[in-house]
Amino acid sequence: MVRGYRHRASTVAFLSWKGGPEREPQGGAPGRPRRLGVPQIIAIALRLISLALVLIAVLLLGADALTSLDDGGQLHVRSLAMNWAALSPQSLEGFRFWLGRLWHPALGWADSFLSLPGWGVTGVAGVLLAFLAGRRASK
């Protein structure tokens, strides 16, 4: 086999070529794919954080649903600022004060972000982290 042809074959069809660059060079099982993503411990940590964020989103969505049912069907959606103020109102005011002194235009952006639904922000962040962590390799 001509050396140039072999290189071209590895770049064009490297996913199906047994000795291609995506395979373990040494020390691994022959033909087994190399882990090209994040290291395994970071992937596990990202999966756990994403699971926690999605669970928090489900809890916040359930709390909003129960509040809506309690008020006779009137829709209630708690914002991120309302949830933060329920946990620690002093830290929310301290954050706004700090951001206003640091860079005043950012205060409007932060208030816009904090007015988003709490379950939406945590749920989207959890799903994005889950996609970032990727799937586990099949054994």
Foldseek 3Di string as FASTA:
>chain_A
DDPVVVVVCCVPPVVPDQCHPQCDPDPDDRSDGDPPADDPVVLVVLLVLLVVLLVVLVVQVVVQVVVCVVVPNNGDFQFQLNVVCVVPVVVSVVVLVVCCVVPNVVSVVVVVNRRHGSSVVSNVVSVVSNVNSPDDDDD
